[in-house]
Amino acid sequence: MKKILGLSALVFLFSMCSTEIELLDDWKETCVAYGLLDQTQPKQYVRVQKAFLGPNNAYDMAQQYDSINYINTLDVKIEQLLNGSVVNTFQLQPDTFYNKQYGDFYAPMQVIYSFDTPTGLSDQYEYRLKIYNSATGNTCDATTTLVEDFNITSPSVSAIGFTNPNPDAVVEIKWQGSPSARIYQLGMFFSYLETDLNNNTTTKTTPILTVGTVETTQQTANGNQSLKLPIQQFYRFVAQSVPDDNNVLSREALNVDFVVYAGGSELKDYIELNGASTGIAQERPSYTNINNGLGVFSSRTFSNRVYGVSAATDDSLSYGQYTCHLKFKDRNGVVMGCQ
């Protein structure tokens, strides 16, 4: 999540009648909220914190728990809306986690608000986040729709072949677009069976490989979408992700898992406006769809499809230039290795 430091701009008042300089504006409460609803998950999470302003060093204040966290004063709920009317209300409860990484802001404890969704969420409704501070009366809110479910449609085979004499050959992953999705990201995992010198076997999976991103508009949202993974990139990724270990007797390819993540329009806008700047002008507006606050409230979902690998791919893993040292078995169960 992008770090937001709530500092008001310094205002220097020059007057012929006064030499006083007012360095701090009047304090104004600003809530900061991040939430992505995902109907595929049994539990939904929203992070709520606050921007701050004070007379001391900003980095010193950011290390104080109460500078960025509300303490027992928030009422956080999500309303389910149909044609603008509330048909259900989900009350969020605070959960304390101790996994926040140390950095510019207080860690490791953080408070995340959550609610269970045993019956799931539906894309037939809108969802409105409402945050109320009982100590000050301050409120903020945001509304989003859900990204509809979708499926990966191609390749339609059970096993993918990462083999082709053309060095520029690719594997193309296709899916039917979701009407509300405005940004997609394709990822891939590779799973394999590893046997050590004591004949113990373990199933292992690589970290995710991010293949690419697709953005859509209202006009193109319902169409077929696709991204391409270069075959050579697959082997280079395996070579970088699977360690060269002398304690390994052999490895056997199991499957590749392609995952397409889809995000709503608010998430797309947030990523675009808050990503790294590549232009000469570094100043640009910050995106928020939180009324009377900062942050983003949107939705996401995903579709995944698991494929086996072809016999020819087994051969290439066993004695190909990128992976021959990793002791993968070929189609006959033999570790060919580098020749």
C-alpha atoms as a PDB file:
ATOM      1  CA  MET A   1       0.000   0.000   0.000  1.00  0.00           C
ATOM      2  CA  LYS A   2       1.288   3.412  -0.852  1.00  0.00           C
ATOM      3  CA  LYS A   3       2.468   5.335   2.176  1.00  0.00           C
ATOM      4  CA  ILE A   4       0.614   8.584   2.766  1.00  0.00           C
ATOM      5  CA  LEU A   5       2.044  11.162   5.113  1.00  0.00           C
ATOM      6  CA  GLY A   6      -0.644  13.675   6.038  1.00  0.00           C
ATOM      7  CA  LEU A   7       1.287  16.910   6.277  1.00  0.00           C
ATOM      8  CA  SER A   8      -0.312  20.222   5.384  1.00  0.00           C
ATOM      9  CA  ALA A   9       1.638  22.473   3.080  1.00  0.00           C
ATOM     10  CA  LEU A  10       3.695  25.115   4.824  1.00  0.00           C
ATOM     11  CA  VAL A  11       2.025  28.495   4.485  1.00  0.00           C
ATOM     12  CA  PHE A  12       4.287  31.514   4.735  1.00  0.00           C
ATOM     13  CA  LEU A  13       2.380  34.731   5.375  1.00  0.00           C
ATOM     14  CA  PHE A  14       4.298  37.819   4.440  1.00  0.00           C
ATOM     15  CA  SER A  15       2.882  41.126   5.586  1.00  0.00           C
ATOM     16  CA  MET A  16       4.215  44.631   5.753  1.00  0.00           C
ATOM     17  CA  CYS A  17       2.468  44.956   9.102  1.00  0.00           C
ATOM     18  CA  SER A  18       3.635  41.701  10.706  1.00  0.00           C
ATOM     19  CA  THR A  19       6.759  39.539  10.821  1.00  0.00           C
ATOM     20  CA  GLU A  20       5.004  36.430  12.210  1.00  0.00           C
ATOM     21  CA  ILE A  21       5.192  33.170  10.223  1.00  0.00           C
ATOM     22  CA  GLU A  22       2.498  30.518  10.725  1.00  0.00           C
ATOM     23  CA  LEU A  23       4.063  27.154   9.991  1.00  0.00           C
ATOM     24  CA  LEU A  24       1.094  24.883  10.743  1.00  0.00           C
ATOM     25  CA  ASP A  25      -2.435  25.204   9.475  1.00  0.00           C
ATOM     26  CA  ASP A  26      -5.405  24.320  11.679  1.00  0.00           C
ATOM     27  CA  TRP A  27      -5.663  20.581  12.275  1.00  0.00           C
ATOM     28  CA  LYS A  28      -8.199  18.746  10.144  1.00  0.00           C
ATOM     29  CA  GLU A  29      -9.045  15.082  10.558  1.00  0.00           C
ATOM     30  CA  THR A  30      -8.338  12.986   7.470  1.00  0.00           C
ATOM     31  CA  CYS A  31      -9.088   9.284   7.405  1.00  0.00           C
ATOM     32  CA  VAL A  32      -7.109   7.031   5.077  1.00  0.00           C
ATOM     33  CA  ALA A  33      -8.777   3.803   3.916  1.00  0.00           C
ATOM     34  CA  TYR A  34      -7.783   0.931   1.641  1.00  0.00           C
ATOM     35  CA  GLY A  35     -10.145  -1.891   0.748  1.00  0.00           C
ATOM     36  CA  LEU A  36     -10.534  -4.327  -2.151  1.00  0.00           C
ATOM     37  CA  LEU A  37     -13.645  -6.499  -2.064  1.00  0.00           C
ATOM     38  CA  ASP A  38     -13.121  -9.975  -3.509  1.00  0.00           C
ATOM     39  CA  GLN A  39     -16.094 -12.339  -3.770  1.00  0.00           C
ATOM     40  CA  THR A  40     -13.769 -15.353  -4.104  1.00  0.00           C
ATOM     41  CA  GLN A  41     -12.577 -14.895  -0.514  1.00  0.00           C
ATOM     42  CA  PRO A  42     -14.444 -15.907   2.675  1.00  0.00           C
ATOM     43  CA  LYS A  43     -13.265 -12.802   4.523  1.00  0.00           C
ATOM     44  CA  GLN A  44     -12.995  -9.159   3.458  1.00  0.00           C
ATOM     45  CA  TYR A  45     -10.478  -6.648   4.810  1.00  0.00           C
ATOM     46  CA  VAL A  46     -10.296  -2.859   5.013  1.00  0.00           C
ATOM     47  CA  ARG A  47      -7.370  -0.960   6.431  1.00  0.00           C
ATOM     48  CA  VAL A  48      -8.185   2.361   8.104  1.00  0.00           C
ATOM     49  CA  GLN A  49      -5.655   4.792   9.511  1.00  0.00           C
ATOM     50  CA  LYS A  50      -5.315   8.534   9.746  1.00  0.00           C
ATOM     51  CA  ALA A  51      -3.173  11.292   8.348  1.00  0.00           C
ATOM     52  CA  PHE A  52      -1.434  13.436  10.932  1.00  0.00           C
ATOM     53  CA  LEU A  53      -0.022  16.881  11.526  1.00  0.00           C
ATOM     54  CA  GLY A  54       2.156  18.066  14.367  1.00  0.00           C
ATOM     55  CA  PRO A  55       4.976  20.359  15.442  1.00  0.00           C
ATOM     56  CA  ASN A  56       7.665  17.648  15.667  1.00  0.00           C
ATOM     57  CA  ASN A  57       9.722  15.831  13.072  1.00  0.00           C
ATOM     58  CA  ALA A  58       7.307  13.990  10.775  1.00  0.00           C
ATOM     59  CA  TYR A  59       9.375  10.796  10.694  1.00  0.00           C
ATOM     60  CA  ASP A  60       9.584  10.699  14.491  1.00  0.00           C
ATOM     61  CA  MET A  61       5.826  11.160  14.785  1.00  0.00           C
ATOM     62  CA  ALA A  62       5.191   8.457  12.183  1.00  0.00           C
ATOM     63  CA  GLN A  63       6.842   5.948  14.527  1.00  0.00           C
ATOM     64  CA  GLN A  64       4.190   6.569  17.200  1.00  0.00           C
ATOM     65  CA  TYR A  65       1.234   4.171  17.215  1.00  0.00           C
ATOM     66  CA  ASP A  66      -1.407   6.825  17.837  1.00  0.00           C
ATOM     67  CA  SER A  67      -0.103   9.119  15.075  1.00  0.00           C
ATOM     68  CA  ILE A  68      -1.453   6.893  12.329  1.00  0.00           C
ATOM     69  CA  ASN A  69      -3.980   4.632  14.105  1.00  0.00           C
ATOM     70  CA  TYR A  70      -7.398   5.335  15.561  1.00  0.00           C
ATOM     71  CA  ILE A  71      -7.801   3.965  19.085  1.00  0.00           C
ATOM     72  CA  ASN A  72     -11.198   2.381  19.820  1.00  0.00           C
ATOM     73  CA  THR A  73     -13.210   5.165  18.200  1.00  0.00           C
ATOM     74  CA  LEU A  74     -14.197   3.834  14.777  1.00  0.00           C
ATOM     75  CA  ASP A  75     -17.415   2.327  13.529  1.00  0.00           C
ATOM     76  CA  VAL A  76     -16.660   0.682  10.175  1.00  0.00           C
ATOM     77  CA  LYS A  77     -19.351  -0.964   8.074  1.00  0.00           C
ATOM     78  CA  ILE A  78     -20.156  -1.854   4.490  1.00  0.00           C
ATOM     79  CA  GLU A  79     -23.675  -1.422   3.156  1.00  0.00           C
ATOM     80  CA  GLN A  80     -25.023  -3.597   0.359  1.00  0.00           C
ATOM     81  CA  LEU A  81     -27.060  -1.462  -2.027  1.00  0.00           C
ATOM     82  CA  LEU A  82     -29.707  -2.331  -4.604  1.00  0.00           C
ATOM     83  CA  ASN A  83     -30.882   0.589  -6.749  1.00  0.00           C
ATOM     84  CA  GLY A  84     -29.515   2.959  -4.117  1.00  0.00           C
ATOM     85  CA  SER A  85     -31.336   1.357  -1.159  1.00  0.00           C
ATOM     86  CA  VAL A  86     -29.584  -0.490   1.676  1.00  0.00           C
ATOM     87  CA  VAL A  87     -30.576  -4.181   1.701  1.00  0.00           C
ATOM     88  CA  ASN A  88     -27.873  -5.502   4.033  1.00  0.00           C
ATOM     89  CA  THR A  89     -25.167  -4.167   6.333  1.00  0.00           C
ATOM     90  CA  PHE A  90     -21.863  -5.853   7.203  1.00  0.00           C
ATOM     91  CA  GLN A  91     -20.323  -4.680  10.469  1.00  0.00           C
ATOM     92  CA  LEU A  92     -16.522  -4.788  10.381  1.00  0.00           C
ATOM     93  CA  GLN A  93     -14.515  -5.799  13.433  1.00  0.00           C
ATOM     94  CA  PRO A  94     -10.918  -4.790  14.197  1.00  0.00           C
ATOM     95  CA  ASP A  95      -8.288  -7.506  13.872  1.00  0.00           C
ATOM     96  CA  THR A  96      -4.762  -6.905  15.143  1.00  0.00           C
ATOM     97  CA  PHE A  97      -1.894  -8.222  13.031  1.00  0.00           C
ATOM     98  CA  TYR A  98       1.799  -8.200  13.900  1.00  0.00           C
ATOM     99  CA  ASN A  99       3.183  -8.654  10.393  1.00  0.00           C
ATOM    100  CA  LYS A 100       3.701  -5.053   9.286  1.00  0.00           C
ATOM    101  CA  GLN A 101       7.235  -4.504   8.054  1.00  0.00           C
ATOM    102  CA  TYR A 102       9.386  -1.922   9.781  1.00  0.00           C
ATOM    103  CA  GLY A 103       9.937   1.280   7.850  1.00  0.00           C
ATOM    104  CA  ASP A 104       8.908   4.928   7.964  1.00  0.00           C
ATOM    105  CA  PHE A 105       5.689   4.160   9.874  1.00  0.00           C
ATOM    106  CA  TYR A 106       4.929   2.405  13.150  1.00  0.00           C
ATOM    107  CA  ALA A 107       5.380  -1.396  13.104  1.00  0.00           C
ATOM    108  CA  PRO A 108       4.916  -4.320  13.522  1.00  0.00           C
ATOM    109  CA  MET A 109       1.341  -4.031  14.861  1.00  0.00           C
ATOM    110  CA  GLN A 110      -1.448  -2.867  12.586  1.00  0.00           C
ATOM    111  CA  VAL A 111      -5.223  -2.918  12.859  1.00  0.00           C
ATOM    112  CA  ILE A 112      -7.247  -4.264   9.933  1.00  0.00           C
ATOM    113  CA  TYR A 113     -11.053  -4.205   9.908  1.00  0.00           C
ATOM    114  CA  SER A 114     -12.783  -7.288   8.532  1.00  0.00           C
ATOM    115  CA  PHE A 115     -16.018  -9.202   8.147  1.00  0.00           C
ATOM    116  CA  ASP A 116     -16.870 -12.759   7.165  1.00  0.00           C
ATOM    117  CA  THR A 117     -18.802 -13.410   3.962  1.00  0.00           C
ATOM    118  CA  PRO A 118     -20.100 -16.972   4.420  1.00  0.00           C
ATOM    119  CA  THR A 119     -22.732 -16.544   1.700  1.00  0.00           C
ATOM    120  CA  GLY A 120     -20.418 -14.545  -0.537  1.00  0.00           C
ATOM    121  CA  LEU A 121     -20.815 -11.176  -2.221  1.00  0.00           C
ATOM    122  CA  SER A 122     -22.749 -10.613  -5.432  1.00  0.00           C
ATOM    123  CA  ASP A 123     -22.006  -8.423  -8.434  1.00  0.00           C
ATOM    124  CA  GLN A 124     -25.726  -7.582  -8.566  1.00  0.00           C
ATOM    125  CA  TYR A 125     -25.193  -5.029  -5.800  1.00  0.00           C
ATOM    126  CA  GLU A 126     -23.151  -1.937  -5.031  1.00  0.00           C
ATOM    127  CA  TYR A 127     -21.157  -1.753  -1.814  1.00  0.00           C
ATOM    128  CA  ARG A 128     -20.661   1.391   0.261  1.00  0.00           C
ATOM    129  CA  LEU A 129     -17.931   1.683   2.867  1.00  0.00           C
ATOM    130  CA  LYS A 130     -18.853   3.969   5.779  1.00  0.00           C
ATOM    131  CA  ILE A 131     -16.399   5.011   8.495  1.00  0.00           C
ATOM    132  CA  TYR A 132     -17.524   6.994  11.552  1.00  0.00           C
ATOM    133  CA  ASN A 133     -15.273   8.369  14.301  1.00  0.00           C
ATOM    134  CA  SER A 134     -17.338   8.463  17.494  1.00  0.00           C
ATOM    135  CA  ALA A 135     -14.813  10.736  19.209  1.00  0.00           C
ATOM    136  CA  THR A 136     -15.013  13.536  16.638  1.00  0.00           C
ATOM    137  CA  GLY A 137     -18.135  12.846  14.583  1.00  0.00           C
ATOM    138  CA  ASN A 138     -16.044  12.752  11.414  1.00  0.00           C
ATOM    139  CA  THR A 139     -17.241  10.446   8.613  1.00  0.00           C
ATOM    140  CA  CYS A 140     -15.881   9.248   5.285  1.00  0.00           C
ATOM    141  CA  ASP A 141     -17.295   6.873   2.701  1.00  0.00           C
ATOM    142  CA  ALA A 142     -16.806   5.317  -0.740  1.00  0.00           C
ATOM    143  CA  THR A 143     -18.807   3.112  -3.102  1.00  0.00           C
ATOM    144  CA  THR A 144     -17.785   0.372  -5.519  1.00  0.00           C
ATOM    145  CA  THR A 145     -19.230  -2.423  -7.599  1.00  0.00           C
ATOM    146  CA  LEU A 146     -17.747  -5.919  -7.823  1.00  0.00           C
ATOM    147  CA  VAL A 147     -15.703  -7.230 -10.720  1.00  0.00           C
ATOM    148  CA  GLU A 148     -17.744 -10.056 -12.230  1.00  0.00           C
ATOM    149  CA  ASP A 149     -16.434 -13.636 -12.331  1.00  0.00           C
ATOM    150  CA  PHE A 150     -14.681 -14.711 -15.535  1.00  0.00           C
ATOM    151  CA  ASN A 151     -12.753 -17.709 -16.857  1.00  0.00           C
ATOM    152  CA  ILE A 152      -9.535 -18.425 -18.735  1.00  0.00           C
ATOM    153  CA  THR A 153     -10.657 -19.890 -22.066  1.00  0.00           C
ATOM    154  CA  SER A 154      -7.435 -20.727 -23.904  1.00  0.00           C
ATOM    155  CA  PRO A 155      -5.318 -22.772 -24.298  1.00  0.00           C
ATOM    156  CA  SER A 156      -7.998 -25.440 -24.077  1.00  0.00           C
ATOM    157  CA  VAL A 157      -5.478 -28.296 -23.868  1.00  0.00           C
ATOM    158  CA  SER A 158      -4.639 -30.224 -20.703  1.00  0.00           C
ATOM    159  CA  ALA A 159      -0.863 -29.861 -21.086  1.00  0.00           C
ATOM    160  CA  ILE A 160       1.081 -26.914 -22.485  1.00  0.00           C
ATOM    161  CA  GLY A 161       4.115 -27.402 -24.668  1.00  0.00           C
ATOM    162  CA  PHE A 162       6.842 -24.827 -24.075  1.00  0.00           C
ATOM    163  CA  THR A 163       8.675 -25.968 -27.192  1.00  0.00           C
ATOM    164  CA  ASN A 164       9.018 -24.310 -30.550  1.00  0.00           C
ATOM    165  CA  PRO A 165      12.055 -23.907 -32.845  1.00  0.00           C
ATOM    166  CA  ASN A 166      11.128 -20.249 -33.315  1.00  0.00           C
ATOM    167  CA  PRO A 167      13.049 -18.280 -30.639  1.00  0.00           C
ATOM    168  CA  ASP A 168      10.257 -15.696 -30.573  1.00  0.00           C
ATOM    169  CA  ALA A 169       7.474 -18.245 -29.987  1.00  0.00           C
ATOM    170  CA  VAL A 170       4.938 -17.515 -27.250  1.00  0.00           C
ATOM    171  CA  VAL A 171       2.173 -19.172 -25.244  1.00  0.00           C
ATOM    172  CA  GLU A 172      -0.958 -17.021 -25.396  1.00  0.00           C
ATOM    173  CA  ILE A 173      -3.404 -16.993 -22.483  1.00  0.00           C
ATOM    174  CA  LYS A 174      -6.933 -15.815 -23.332  1.00  0.00           C
ATOM    175  CA  TRP A 175      -9.987 -15.018 -21.246  1.00  0.00           C
ATOM    176  CA  GLN A 176     -13.428 -13.489 -21.705  1.00  0.00           C
ATOM    177  CA  GLY A 177     -13.466  -9.946 -20.355  1.00  0.00           C
ATOM    178  CA  SER A 178     -15.415  -9.011 -17.234  1.00  0.00           C
ATOM    179  CA  PRO A 179     -17.722  -5.977 -17.809  1.00  0.00           C
ATOM    180  CA  SER A 180     -16.589  -4.100 -14.688  1.00  0.00           C
ATOM    181  CA  ALA A 181     -12.873  -4.949 -14.869  1.00  0.00           C
ATOM    182  CA  ARG A 182     -10.566  -2.205 -16.110  1.00  0.00           C
ATOM    183  CA  ILE A 183      -7.179  -3.753 -15.404  1.00  0.00           C
ATOM    184  CA  TYR A 184      -5.845  -7.314 -15.620  1.00  0.00           C
ATOM    185  CA  GLN A 185      -2.546  -8.840 -14.602  1.00  0.00           C
ATOM    186  CA  LEU A 186      -1.392 -12.281 -15.721  1.00  0.00           C
ATOM    187  CA  GLY A 187       0.822 -14.364 -13.456  1.00  0.00           C
ATOM    188  CA  MET A 188       2.264 -17.867 -13.592  1.00  0.00           C
ATOM    189  CA  PHE A 189       3.454 -20.427 -11.027  1.00  0.00           C
ATOM    190  CA  PHE A 190       5.518 -23.522 -11.841  1.00  0.00           C
ATOM    191  CA  SER A 191       5.257 -26.607  -9.609  1.00  0.00           C
ATOM    192  CA  TYR A 192       7.665 -29.541  -9.509  1.00  0.00           C
ATOM    193  CA  LEU A 193       8.499 -32.618  -7.465  1.00  0.00           C
ATOM    194  CA  GLU A 194      11.921 -32.633  -5.841  1.00  0.00           C
ATOM    195  CA  THR A 195      13.729 -35.754  -4.593  1.00  0.00           C
ATOM    196  CA  ASP A 196      16.762 -35.399  -2.327  1.00  0.00           C
ATOM    197  CA  LEU A 197      19.716 -37.766  -1.823  1.00  0.00           C
ATOM    198  CA  ASN A 198      17.827 -39.569   0.958  1.00  0.00           C
ATOM    199  CA  ASN A 199      14.985 -40.271  -1.469  1.00  0.00           C
ATOM    200  CA  ASN A 200      12.619 -37.850   0.284  1.00  0.00           C
ATOM    201  CA  THR A 201      10.211 -36.131  -2.094  1.00  0.00           C
ATOM    202  CA  THR A 202       8.723 -32.654  -1.735  1.00  0.00           C
ATOM    203  CA  THR A 203       6.345 -30.703  -3.932  1.00  0.00           C
ATOM    204  CA  LYS A 204       7.588 -27.177  -4.513  1.00  0.00           C
ATOM    205  CA  THR A 205       6.235 -24.107  -6.287  1.00  0.00           C
ATOM    206  CA  THR A 206       8.117 -21.129  -7.632  1.00  0.00           C
ATOM    207  CA  PRO A 207       7.279 -17.524  -6.760  1.00  0.00           C
ATOM    208  CA  ILE A 208       4.871 -15.874  -9.168  1.00  0.00           C
ATOM    209  CA  LEU A 209       6.084 -14.659 -12.535  1.00  0.00           C
ATOM    210  CA  THR A 210       4.277 -11.483 -13.591  1.00  0.00           C
ATOM    211  CA  VAL A 211       3.730 -11.820 -17.329  1.00  0.00           C
ATOM    212  CA  GLY A 212       2.030  -8.536 -18.151  1.00  0.00           C
ATOM    213  CA  THR A 213      -0.892  -6.144 -17.721  1.00  0.00           C
ATOM    214  CA  VAL A 214      -3.934  -5.302 -19.850  1.00  0.00           C
ATOM    215  CA  GLU A 215      -6.185  -2.271 -19.430  1.00  0.00           C
ATOM    216  CA  THR A 216      -9.692  -1.972 -20.838  1.00  0.00           C
ATOM    217  CA  THR A 217     -12.333   0.682 -21.371  1.00  0.00           C
ATOM    218  CA  GLN A 218     -16.103   0.528 -21.191  1.00  0.00           C
ATOM    219  CA  GLN A 219     -16.123  -0.122 -24.935  1.00  0.00           C
ATOM    220  CA  THR A 220     -13.577  -2.976 -24.867  1.00  0.00           C
ATOM    221  CA  ALA A 221     -14.408  -4.541 -21.483  1.00  0.00           C
ATOM    222  CA  ASN A 222     -16.663  -7.321 -22.779  1.00  0.00           C
ATOM    223  CA  GLY A 223     -14.284  -8.491 -25.486  1.00  0.00           C
ATOM    224  CA  ASN A 224     -11.729 -11.288 -25.457  1.00  0.00           C
ATOM    225  CA  GLN A 225      -8.536 -10.386 -23.614  1.00  0.00           C
ATOM    226  CA  SER A 226      -5.129 -12.013 -23.842  1.00  0.00           C
ATOM    227  CA  LEU A 227      -1.465 -11.811 -22.867  1.00  0.00           C
ATOM    228  CA  LYS A 228       1.533 -13.694 -24.221  1.00  0.00           C
ATOM    229  CA  LEU A 229       4.345 -15.451 -22.382  1.00  0.00           C
ATOM    230  CA  PRO A 230       7.507 -15.915 -24.482  1.00  0.00           C
ATOM    231  CA  ILE A 231       8.633 -19.538 -24.333  1.00  0.00           C
ATOM    232  CA  GLN A 232      12.230 -18.557 -23.666  1.00  0.00           C
ATOM    233  CA  GLN A 233      11.081 -16.455 -20.720  1.00  0.00           C
ATOM    234  CA  PHE A 234       9.501 -19.551 -19.159  1.00  0.00           C
ATOM    235  CA  TYR A 235      12.829 -21.420 -19.122  1.00  0.00           C
ATOM    236  CA  ARG A 236      14.764 -18.383 -17.901  1.00  0.00           C
ATOM    237  CA  PHE A 237      12.228 -17.962 -15.096  1.00  0.00           C
ATOM    238  CA  VAL A 238      12.575 -21.612 -14.030  1.00  0.00           C
ATOM    239  CA  ALA A 239      16.364 -21.254 -14.067  1.00  0.00           C
ATOM    240  CA  GLN A 240      16.168 -18.166 -11.827  1.00  0.00           C
ATOM    241  CA  SER A 241      13.542 -19.566  -9.446  1.00  0.00           C
ATOM    242  CA  VAL A 242      14.706 -23.166  -8.891  1.00  0.00           C
ATOM    243  CA  PRO A 243      17.932 -23.357  -6.864  1.00  0.00           C
ATOM    244  CA  ASP A 244      20.952 -25.359  -7.971  1.00  0.00           C
ATOM    245  CA  ASP A 245      21.243 -27.681  -4.967  1.00  0.00           C
ATOM    246  CA  ASN A 246      23.836 -30.460  -4.567  1.00  0.00           C
ATOM    247  CA  ASN A 247      21.500 -32.266  -2.142  1.00  0.00           C
ATOM    248  CA  VAL A 248      18.917 -32.789  -4.887  1.00  0.00           C
ATOM    249  CA  LEU A 249      18.885 -36.138  -6.679  1.00  0.00           C
ATOM    250  CA  SER A 250      16.234 -35.269  -9.286  1.00  0.00           C
ATOM    251  CA  ARG A 251      13.294 -33.049 -10.122  1.00  0.00           C
ATOM    252  CA  GLU A 252      10.113 -33.716 -12.077  1.00  0.00           C
ATOM    253  CA  ALA A 253       7.885 -31.062 -13.673  1.00  0.00           C
ATOM    254  CA  LEU A 254       4.280 -31.207 -12.424  1.00  0.00           C
ATOM    255  CA  ASN A 255       2.249 -28.290 -13.785  1.00  0.00           C
ATOM    256  CA  VAL A 256       2.000 -24.609 -14.549  1.00  0.00           C
ATOM    257  CA  ASP A 257      -0.733 -22.496 -13.001  1.00  0.00           C
ATOM    258  CA  PHE A 258      -1.799 -19.370 -14.881  1.00  0.00           C
ATOM    259  CA  VAL A 259      -3.679 -16.764 -12.836  1.00  0.00           C
ATOM    260  CA  VAL A 260      -5.439 -13.694 -14.225  1.00  0.00           C
ATOM    261  CA  TYR A 261      -6.135 -11.015 -11.621  1.00  0.00           C
ATOM    262  CA  ALA A 262      -8.828  -8.438 -12.448  1.00  0.00           C
ATOM    263  CA  GLY A 263      -9.369  -5.063 -10.796  1.00  0.00           C
ATOM    264  CA  GLY A 264     -12.103  -2.433 -10.887  1.00  0.00           C
ATOM    265  CA  SER A 265     -11.896   1.042 -12.369  1.00  0.00           C
ATOM    266  CA  GLU A 266     -10.983   2.700  -9.051  1.00  0.00           C
ATOM    267  CA  LEU A 267      -8.049   0.333  -8.576  1.00  0.00           C
ATOM    268  CA  LYS A 268      -6.860   1.002 -12.130  1.00  0.00           C
ATOM    269  CA  ASP A 269      -6.964   4.772 -11.570  1.00  0.00           C
ATOM    270  CA  TYR A 270      -5.200   4.458  -8.235  1.00  0.00           C
ATOM    271  CA  ILE A 271      -2.369   2.383  -9.718  1.00  0.00           C
ATOM    272  CA  GLU A 272      -1.935   4.755 -12.659  1.00  0.00           C
ATOM    273  CA  LEU A 273      -1.830   7.936 -10.587  1.00  0.00           C
ATOM    274  CA  ASN A 274       0.228   6.577  -7.697  1.00  0.00           C
ATOM    275  CA  GLY A 275       2.778   4.528  -9.623  1.00  0.00           C
ATOM    276  CA  ALA A 276       6.354   5.522 -10.336  1.00  0.00           C
ATOM    277  CA  SER A 277       6.710   8.648 -12.432  1.00  0.00           C
ATOM    278  CA  THR A 278       8.769   8.340 -15.613  1.00  0.00           C
ATOM    279  CA  GLY A 279       8.334  11.864 -16.912  1.00  0.00           C
ATOM    280  CA  ILE A 280      10.273  15.058 -16.323  1.00  0.00           C
ATOM    281  CA  ALA A 281       7.457  16.618 -14.303  1.00  0.00           C
ATOM    282  CA  GLN A 282       7.340  14.759 -10.977  1.00  0.00           C
ATOM    283  CA  GLU A 283       4.314  16.563  -9.528  1.00  0.00           C
ATOM    284  CA  ARG A 284       0.938  14.982 -10.254  1.00  0.00           C
ATOM    285  CA  PRO A 285      -2.425  14.623  -8.498  1.00  0.00           C
ATOM    286  CA  SER A 286      -2.980  11.825  -5.986  1.00  0.00           C
ATOM    287  CA  TYR A 287      -5.965   9.591  -6.654  1.00  0.00           C
ATOM    288  CA  THR A 288      -8.609   8.906  -4.035  1.00  0.00           C
ATOM    289  CA  ASN A 289     -12.238   7.815  -4.225  1.00  0.00           C
ATOM    290  CA  ILE A 290     -12.758   8.140  -0.457  1.00  0.00           C
ATOM    291  CA  ASN A 291     -15.168  11.010   0.209  1.00  0.00           C
ATOM    292  CA  ASN A 292     -13.741  13.250   2.941  1.00  0.00           C
ATOM    293  CA  GLY A 293     -10.622  11.106   3.059  1.00  0.00           C
ATOM    294  CA  LEU A 294      -7.780   9.490   1.155  1.00  0.00           C
ATOM    295  CA  GLY A 295      -7.178   6.027  -0.272  1.00  0.00           C
ATOM    296  CA  VAL A 296      -9.041   3.629  -2.509  1.00  0.00           C
ATOM    297  CA  PHE A 297     -12.073   1.357  -2.132  1.00  0.00           C
ATOM    298  CA  SER A 298     -12.534  -0.944  -5.098  1.00  0.00           C
ATOM    299  CA  SER A 299     -12.842  -4.621  -6.023  1.00  0.00           C
ATOM    300  CA  ARG A 300     -10.840  -7.427  -7.531  1.00  0.00           C
ATOM    301  CA  THR A 301     -11.181 -11.090  -8.409  1.00  0.00           C
ATOM    302  CA  PHE A 302      -9.208 -13.733 -10.248  1.00  0.00           C
ATOM    303  CA  SER A 303      -9.413 -16.757 -12.495  1.00  0.00           C
ATOM    304  CA  ASN A 304      -6.839 -19.524 -12.628  1.00  0.00           C
ATOM    305  CA  ARG A 305      -6.259 -22.591 -14.762  1.00  0.00           C
ATOM    306  CA  VAL A 306      -3.795 -25.401 -14.102  1.00  0.00           C
ATOM    307  CA  TYR A 307      -2.011 -27.135 -16.988  1.00  0.00           C
ATOM    308  CA  GLY A 308       0.316 -30.074 -17.184  1.00  0.00           C
ATOM    309  CA  VAL A 309       3.493 -29.815 -19.250  1.00  0.00           C
ATOM    310  CA  SER A 310       4.120 -31.755 -22.446  1.00  0.00           C
ATOM    311  CA  ALA A 311       6.658 -34.559 -22.834  1.00  0.00           C
ATOM    312  CA  ALA A 312       8.717 -32.326 -25.098  1.00  0.00           C
ATOM    313  CA  THR A 313       8.800 -29.711 -22.316  1.00  0.00           C
ATOM    314  CA  ASP A 314      10.112 -32.362 -19.924  1.00  0.00           C
ATOM    315  CA  ASP A 315      12.949 -32.981 -22.381  1.00  0.00           C
ATOM    316  CA  SER A 316      13.734 -29.279 -22.695  1.00  0.00           C
ATOM    317  CA  LEU A 317      13.821 -28.840 -18.924  1.00  0.00           C
ATOM    318  CA  SER A 318      16.142 -31.832 -18.622  1.00  0.00           C
ATOM    319  CA  TYR A 319      18.782 -30.793 -21.142  1.00  0.00           C
ATOM    320  CA  GLY A 320      17.917 -27.290 -22.336  1.00  0.00           C
ATOM    321  CA  GLN A 321      20.510 -24.529 -22.099  1.00  0.00           C
ATOM    322  CA  TYR A 322      18.826 -22.667 -19.217  1.00  0.00           C
ATOM    323  CA  THR A 323      17.807 -25.570 -16.959  1.00  0.00           C
ATOM    324  CA  CYS A 324      20.008 -28.581 -17.748  1.00  0.00           C
ATOM    325  CA  HIS A 325      21.929 -28.136 -14.472  1.00  0.00           C
ATOM    326  CA  LEU A 326      18.774 -28.394 -12.335  1.00  0.00           C
ATOM    327  CA  LYS A 327      18.404 -32.214 -12.641  1.00  0.00           C
ATOM    328  CA  PHE A 328      14.944 -32.338 -14.188  1.00  0.00           C
ATOM    329  CA  LYS A 329      13.838 -35.722 -15.540  1.00  0.00           C
ATOM    330  CA  ASP A 330      13.079 -36.064 -19.223  1.00  0.00           C
ATOM    331  CA  ARG A 331       9.977 -37.816 -20.622  1.00  0.00           C
ATOM    332  CA  ASN A 332      11.571 -41.194 -19.889  1.00  0.00           C
ATOM    333  CA  GLY A 333      12.332 -40.392 -16.259  1.00  0.00           C
ATOM    334  CA  VAL A 334      16.065 -39.918 -16.910  1.00  0.00           C
ATOM    335  CA  VAL A 335      18.089 -36.927 -15.694  1.00  0.00           C
ATOM    336  CA  MET A 336      19.957 -35.939 -18.843  1.00  0.00           C
ATOM    337  CA  GLY A 337      21.799 -32.919 -17.488  1.00  0.00           C
ATOM    338  CA  CYS A 338      24.091 -30.615 -19.425  1.00  0.00           C
ATOM    339  CA  GLN A 339      25.980 -32.429 -22.185  1.00  0.00           C
END
